Amino acid sequence: MKIIFSTLTLMFSVSAFAQNYQVKIVDQKDSETEYNYIVPGYSTSQSTASATCYGTDSTVNCSGSGTTDTYSLPAHSVSYRVRGATFSLQLPDGRIAVVNCESKFKERFVGPAGNHRSCKRPLVDDINVDFHGDKAKLEWVVSLDGKKKDTETYKILAVLPKTKSGAGRP
């Protein structure tokens, strides 16, 4: 009984550390040779608008209002020396996760140079990511009905803070 309880506790505690998010790819670069990846500047914007109209048979009177909040961050001066596919992923709270994937080993019996495959890369900007420790498992839809998905595991290089602009803004 103690073994079952211990196993269940371990299973639940391990899964509790994983975090799953819908994210947007805001930048990407891929090269089989080493390169410097500089996190680009990015911004987010939120708008609210409303309009009200009153009318009679011959006249219409309308009024409207709108507000916009924009947050921006210039390109980061920190660069990462990487190889393979690198993405900047915007998390729902505004932070940016920088992830990288080097080519993977795949035995083909053709020598060291031919025993690698490139990392899979999503062709869409909106993807699902499961973060666990220093790994990020990217998942995206690859079928018309949305049932077939593809995945690739990337290494997290950094999680940058969310943008700050204006007094009292997040």
C-alpha atoms as a PDB file:
ATOM      1  CA  MET A   1       0.000   0.000   0.000  1.00  0.00           C
ATOM      2  CA  LYS A   2       2.868   2.373   0.838  1.00  0.00           C
ATOM      3  CA  ILE A   3       4.465   1.656  -2.558  1.00  0.00           C
ATOM      4  CA  ILE A   4       1.250   2.493  -4.418  1.00  0.00           C
ATOM      5  CA  PHE A   5       0.789   5.712  -2.418  1.00  0.00           C
ATOM      6  CA  SER A   6       4.440   6.715  -3.017  1.00  0.00           C
ATOM      7  CA  THR A   7       4.152   6.008  -6.746  1.00  0.00           C
ATOM      8  CA  LEU A   8       0.928   8.021  -7.068  1.00  0.00           C
ATOM      9  CA  THR A   9       2.412  10.925  -5.086  1.00  0.00           C
ATOM     10  CA  LEU A  10       5.492  10.948  -7.324  1.00  0.00           C
ATOM     11  CA  MET A  11       3.402  10.827 -10.511  1.00  0.00           C
ATOM     12  CA  PHE A  12       1.233  13.770  -9.429  1.00  0.00           C
ATOM     13  CA  SER A  13       4.168  15.848  -8.165  1.00  0.00           C
ATOM     14  CA  VAL A  14       6.133  15.370 -11.404  1.00  0.00           C
ATOM     15  CA  SER A  15       3.168  16.380 -13.575  1.00  0.00           C
ATOM     16  CA  ALA A  16       2.533  19.395 -11.341  1.00  0.00           C
ATOM     17  CA  PHE A  17       5.837  20.939 -12.453  1.00  0.00           C
ATOM     18  CA  ALA A  18       4.929  20.824 -16.162  1.00  0.00           C
ATOM     19  CA  GLN A  19       3.197  23.904 -17.574  1.00  0.00           C
ATOM     20  CA  ASN A  20       1.192  23.887 -20.784  1.00  0.00           C
ATOM     21  CA  TYR A  21       0.553  27.106 -22.767  1.00  0.00           C
ATOM     22  CA  GLN A  22      -0.861  28.298 -26.060  1.00  0.00           C
ATOM     23  CA  VAL A  23       1.924  30.542 -27.414  1.00  0.00           C
ATOM     24  CA  LYS A  24       2.728  32.623 -30.467  1.00  0.00           C
ATOM     25  CA  ILE A  25       5.996  32.294 -32.358  1.00  0.00           C
ATOM     26  CA  VAL A  26       7.259  35.865 -32.707  1.00  0.00           C
ATOM     27  CA  ASP A  27      10.622  35.049 -34.320  1.00  0.00           C
ATOM     28  CA  GLN A  28      12.521  32.068 -35.674  1.00  0.00           C
ATOM     29  CA  LYS A  29      15.841  31.237 -37.263  1.00  0.00           C
ATOM     30  CA  ASP A  30      17.350  27.974 -38.477  1.00  0.00           C
ATOM     31  CA  SER A  31      20.868  27.079 -39.593  1.00  0.00           C
ATOM     32  CA  GLU A  32      23.012  23.955 -39.455  1.00  0.00           C
ATOM     33  CA  THR A  33      26.057  26.151 -38.824  1.00  0.00           C
ATOM     34  CA  GLU A  34      26.633  28.079 -35.608  1.00  0.00           C
ATOM     35  CA  TYR A  35      25.132  31.597 -35.449  1.00  0.00           C
ATOM     36  CA  ASN A  36      24.329  34.413 -32.995  1.00  0.00           C
ATOM     37  CA  TYR A  37      20.630  34.608 -32.214  1.00  0.00           C
ATOM     38  CA  ILE A  38      19.503  38.045 -31.004  1.00  0.00           C
ATOM     39  CA  VAL A  39      16.009  38.205 -29.526  1.00  0.00           C
ATOM     40  CA  PRO A  40      14.128  40.742 -31.658  1.00  0.00           C
ATOM     41  CA  GLY A  41      12.041  43.598 -30.322  1.00  0.00           C
ATOM     42  CA  TYR A  42       8.368  42.821 -29.932  1.00  0.00           C
ATOM     43  CA  SER A  43       5.182  44.530 -28.877  1.00  0.00           C
ATOM     44  CA  THR A  44       1.703  43.597 -27.799  1.00  0.00           C
ATOM     45  CA  SER A  45      -1.432  45.657 -28.204  1.00  0.00           C
ATOM     46  CA  GLN A  46      -4.922  45.462 -26.763  1.00  0.00           C
ATOM     47  CA  SER A  47      -7.864  47.515 -28.046  1.00  0.00           C
ATOM     48  CA  THR A  48     -11.409  48.137 -26.846  1.00  0.00           C
ATOM     49  CA  ALA A  49     -14.047  49.998 -28.841  1.00  0.00           C
ATOM     50  CA  SER A  50     -17.755  50.686 -28.567  1.00  0.00           C
ATOM     51  CA  ALA A  51     -20.365  52.561 -30.567  1.00  0.00           C
ATOM     52  CA  THR A  52     -23.948  53.546 -29.855  1.00  0.00           C
ATOM     53  CA  CYS A  53     -26.450  54.802 -32.416  1.00  0.00           C
ATOM     54  CA  TYR A  54     -29.977  56.209 -32.005  1.00  0.00           C
ATOM     55  CA  GLY A  55     -32.190  57.123 -34.904  1.00  0.00           C
ATOM     56  CA  THR A  56     -35.559  58.126 -36.179  1.00  0.00           C
ATOM     57  CA  ASP A  57     -37.041  57.905 -39.651  1.00  0.00           C
ATOM     58  CA  SER A  58     -34.946  60.805 -40.951  1.00  0.00           C
ATOM     59  CA  THR A  59     -31.902  61.177 -38.600  1.00  0.00           C
ATOM     60  CA  VAL A  60     -29.269  59.030 -36.980  1.00  0.00           C
ATOM     61  CA  ASN A  61     -27.050  60.084 -34.070  1.00  0.00           C
ATOM     62  CA  CYS A  62     -24.002  57.951 -33.294  1.00  0.00           C
ATOM     63  CA  SER A  63     -21.218  58.213 -30.740  1.00  0.00           C
ATOM     64  CA  GLY A  64     -18.231  55.994 -30.128  1.00  0.00           C
ATOM     65  CA  SER A  65     -15.123  55.580 -28.039  1.00  0.00           C
ATOM     66  CA  GLY A  66     -11.999  53.445 -28.089  1.00  0.00           C
ATOM     67  CA  THR A  67      -8.877  52.751 -26.068  1.00  0.00           C
ATOM     68  CA  THR A  68      -5.609  51.004 -26.901  1.00  0.00           C
ATOM     69  CA  ASP A  69      -2.817  49.780 -24.610  1.00  0.00           C
ATOM     70  CA  THR A  70       0.492  48.984 -26.297  1.00  0.00           C
ATOM     71  CA  TYR A  71       3.564  47.466 -24.656  1.00  0.00           C
ATOM     72  CA  SER A  72       6.895  47.209 -26.430  1.00  0.00           C
ATOM     73  CA  LEU A  73      10.417  45.979 -25.817  1.00  0.00           C
ATOM     74  CA  PRO A  74      13.413  46.756 -28.024  1.00  0.00           C
ATOM     75  CA  ALA A  75      15.651  43.989 -29.330  1.00  0.00           C
ATOM     76  CA  HIS A  76      17.600  42.333 -26.526  1.00  0.00           C
ATOM     77  CA  SER A  77      21.291  43.078 -26.463  1.00  0.00           C
ATOM     78  CA  VAL A  78      21.956  39.539 -25.218  1.00  0.00           C
ATOM     79  CA  SER A  79      22.718  37.123 -28.022  1.00  0.00           C
ATOM     80  CA  TYR A  80      22.903  33.343 -27.899  1.00  0.00           C
ATOM     81  CA  ARG A  81      25.515  31.293 -29.768  1.00  0.00           C
ATOM     82  CA  VAL A  82      23.424  28.439 -31.180  1.00  0.00           C
ATOM     83  CA  ARG A  83      23.016  25.949 -34.010  1.00  0.00           C
ATOM     84  CA  GLY A  84      19.777  24.498 -35.386  1.00  0.00           C
ATOM     85  CA  ALA A  85      16.285  25.948 -34.975  1.00  0.00           C
ATOM     86  CA  THR A  86      15.712  28.804 -32.514  1.00  0.00           C
ATOM     87  CA  PHE A  87      12.325  30.334 -31.647  1.00  0.00           C
ATOM     88  CA  SER A  88      11.116  33.268 -29.560  1.00  0.00           C
ATOM     89  CA  LEU A  89       7.759  32.216 -28.063  1.00  0.00           C
ATOM     90  CA  GLN A  90       5.411  34.803 -26.578  1.00  0.00           C
ATOM     91  CA  LEU A  91       3.695  33.375 -23.497  1.00  0.00           C
ATOM     92  CA  PRO A  92       0.137  34.427 -22.542  1.00  0.00           C
ATOM     93  CA  ASP A  93       1.460  36.669 -19.729  1.00  0.00           C
ATOM     94  CA  GLY A  94       3.760  38.583 -22.115  1.00  0.00           C
ATOM     95  CA  ARG A  95       7.067  36.885 -21.285  1.00  0.00           C
ATOM     96  CA  ILE A  96       9.245  35.543 -24.110  1.00  0.00           C
ATOM     97  CA  ALA A  97      10.706  32.039 -23.965  1.00  0.00           C
ATOM     98  CA  VAL A  98      13.758  31.521 -26.200  1.00  0.00           C
ATOM     99  CA  VAL A  99      14.103  27.863 -27.221  1.00  0.00           C
ATOM    100  CA  ASN A 100      16.593  26.001 -29.410  1.00  0.00           C
ATOM    101  CA  CYS A 101      16.846  22.554 -31.000  1.00  0.00           C
ATOM    102  CA  GLU A 102      20.002  21.153 -32.580  1.00  0.00           C
ATOM    103  CA  SER A 103      19.789  18.310 -35.081  1.00  0.00           C
ATOM    104  CA  LYS A 104      18.846  14.938 -33.606  1.00  0.00           C
ATOM    105  CA  PHE A 105      20.738  11.637 -33.868  1.00  0.00           C
ATOM    106  CA  LYS A 106      19.106   9.133 -36.210  1.00  0.00           C
ATOM    107  CA  GLU A 107      20.955   5.943 -37.078  1.00  0.00           C
ATOM    108  CA  ARG A 108      21.205   5.415 -40.827  1.00  0.00           C
ATOM    109  CA  PHE A 109      24.479   3.476 -40.941  1.00  0.00           C
ATOM    110  CA  VAL A 110      26.072   6.096 -43.206  1.00  0.00           C
ATOM    111  CA  GLY A 111      28.670   7.561 -40.866  1.00  0.00           C
ATOM    112  CA  PRO A 112      28.589  10.464 -38.418  1.00  0.00           C
ATOM    113  CA  ALA A 113      27.634  13.158 -40.946  1.00  0.00           C
ATOM    114  CA  GLY A 114      24.584  11.274 -42.218  1.00  0.00           C
ATOM    115  CA  ASN A 115      23.299  10.098 -38.848  1.00  0.00           C
ATOM    116  CA  HIS A 116      21.415  13.304 -38.021  1.00  0.00           C
ATOM    117  CA  ARG A 117      18.039  14.774 -38.886  1.00  0.00           C
ATOM    118  CA  SER A 118      16.995  18.393 -38.652  1.00  0.00           C
ATOM    119  CA  CYS A 119      14.615  19.398 -35.869  1.00  0.00           C
ATOM    120  CA  LYS A 120      10.953  19.550 -36.816  1.00  0.00           C
ATOM    121  CA  ARG A 121       9.675  23.133 -37.105  1.00  0.00           C
ATOM    122  CA  PRO A 122       6.046  24.260 -37.060  1.00  0.00           C
ATOM    123  CA  LEU A 123       4.817  26.120 -40.143  1.00  0.00           C
ATOM    124  CA  VAL A 124       2.199  27.956 -38.076  1.00  0.00           C
ATOM    125  CA  ASP A 125       2.650  30.759 -35.540  1.00  0.00           C
ATOM    126  CA  ASP A 126       0.125  29.652 -32.891  1.00  0.00           C
ATOM    127  CA  ILE A 127       1.222  26.448 -31.163  1.00  0.00           C
ATOM    128  CA  ASN A 128       0.890  24.567 -27.886  1.00  0.00           C
ATOM    129  CA  VAL A 129       3.980  24.151 -25.671  1.00  0.00           C
ATOM    130  CA  ASP A 130       4.508  21.887 -22.669  1.00  0.00           C
ATOM    131  CA  PHE A 131       7.304  23.319 -20.491  1.00  0.00           C
ATOM    132  CA  HIS A 132       9.000  20.863 -18.149  1.00  0.00           C
ATOM    133  CA  GLY A 133      12.301  21.715 -16.474  1.00  0.00           C
ATOM    134  CA  ASP A 134      14.638  23.117 -19.132  1.00  0.00           C
ATOM    135  CA  LYS A 135      12.704  21.460 -21.988  1.00  0.00           C
ATOM    136  CA  ALA A 136       9.861  22.763 -24.131  1.00  0.00           C
ATOM    137  CA  LYS A 137       7.818  20.268 -26.147  1.00  0.00           C
ATOM    138  CA  LEU A 138       6.282  22.137 -29.094  1.00  0.00           C
ATOM    139  CA  GLU A 139       3.061  20.713 -30.559  1.00  0.00           C
ATOM    140  CA  TRP A 140       1.134  21.883 -33.627  1.00  0.00           C
ATOM    141  CA  VAL A 141      -1.702  20.679 -35.871  1.00  0.00           C
ATOM    142  CA  VAL A 142      -0.733  19.092 -39.207  1.00  0.00           C
ATOM    143  CA  SER A 143      -4.100  17.842 -40.490  1.00  0.00           C
ATOM    144  CA  LEU A 144      -7.259  19.491 -41.779  1.00  0.00           C
ATOM    145  CA  ASP A 145      -9.469  17.905 -39.129  1.00  0.00           C
ATOM    146  CA  GLY A 146      -7.101  18.988 -36.320  1.00  0.00           C
ATOM    147  CA  LYS A 147      -6.646  15.440 -35.045  1.00  0.00           C
ATOM    148  CA  LYS A 148      -3.091  14.815 -36.269  1.00  0.00           C
ATOM    149  CA  LYS A 149      -0.375  16.752 -34.499  1.00  0.00           C
ATOM    150  CA  ASP A 150       3.392  16.864 -34.708  1.00  0.00           C
ATOM    151  CA  THR A 151       5.858  17.515 -31.874  1.00  0.00           C
ATOM    152  CA  GLU A 152       9.500  18.326 -31.250  1.00  0.00           C
ATOM    153  CA  THR A 153      11.371  18.914 -27.988  1.00  0.00           C
ATOM    154  CA  TYR A 154      13.496  22.059 -27.675  1.00  0.00           C
ATOM    155  CA  LYS A 155      15.855  23.279 -24.945  1.00  0.00           C
ATOM    156  CA  ILE A 156      14.881  26.476 -23.112  1.00  0.00           C
ATOM    157  CA  LEU A 157      17.692  29.045 -23.375  1.00  0.00           C
ATOM    158  CA  ALA A 158      15.989  31.871 -21.458  1.00  0.00           C
ATOM    159  CA  VAL A 159      12.653  33.245 -20.287  1.00  0.00           C
ATOM    160  CA  LEU A 160      12.655  37.012 -20.703  1.00  0.00           C
ATOM    161  CA  PRO A 161      10.451  39.248 -18.542  1.00  0.00           C
ATOM    162  CA  LYS A 162       7.246  40.681 -19.942  1.00  0.00           C
ATOM    163  CA  THR A 163       7.358  44.108 -21.469  1.00  0.00           C
ATOM    164  CA  LYS A 164       7.108  47.227 -19.341  1.00  0.00           C
ATOM    165  CA  SER A 165       6.118  50.638 -20.620  1.00  0.00           C
ATOM    166  CA  GLY A 166       4.565  53.609 -18.919  1.00  0.00           C
ATOM    167  CA  ALA A 167       4.123  54.230 -15.221  1.00  0.00           C
ATOM    168  CA  GLY A 168       2.190  51.565 -13.389  1.00  0.00           C
ATOM    169  CA  ARG A 169       1.966  49.286 -16.430  1.00  0.00           C
ATOM    170  CA  PRO A 170       2.759  45.561 -16.198  1.00  0.00           C
END
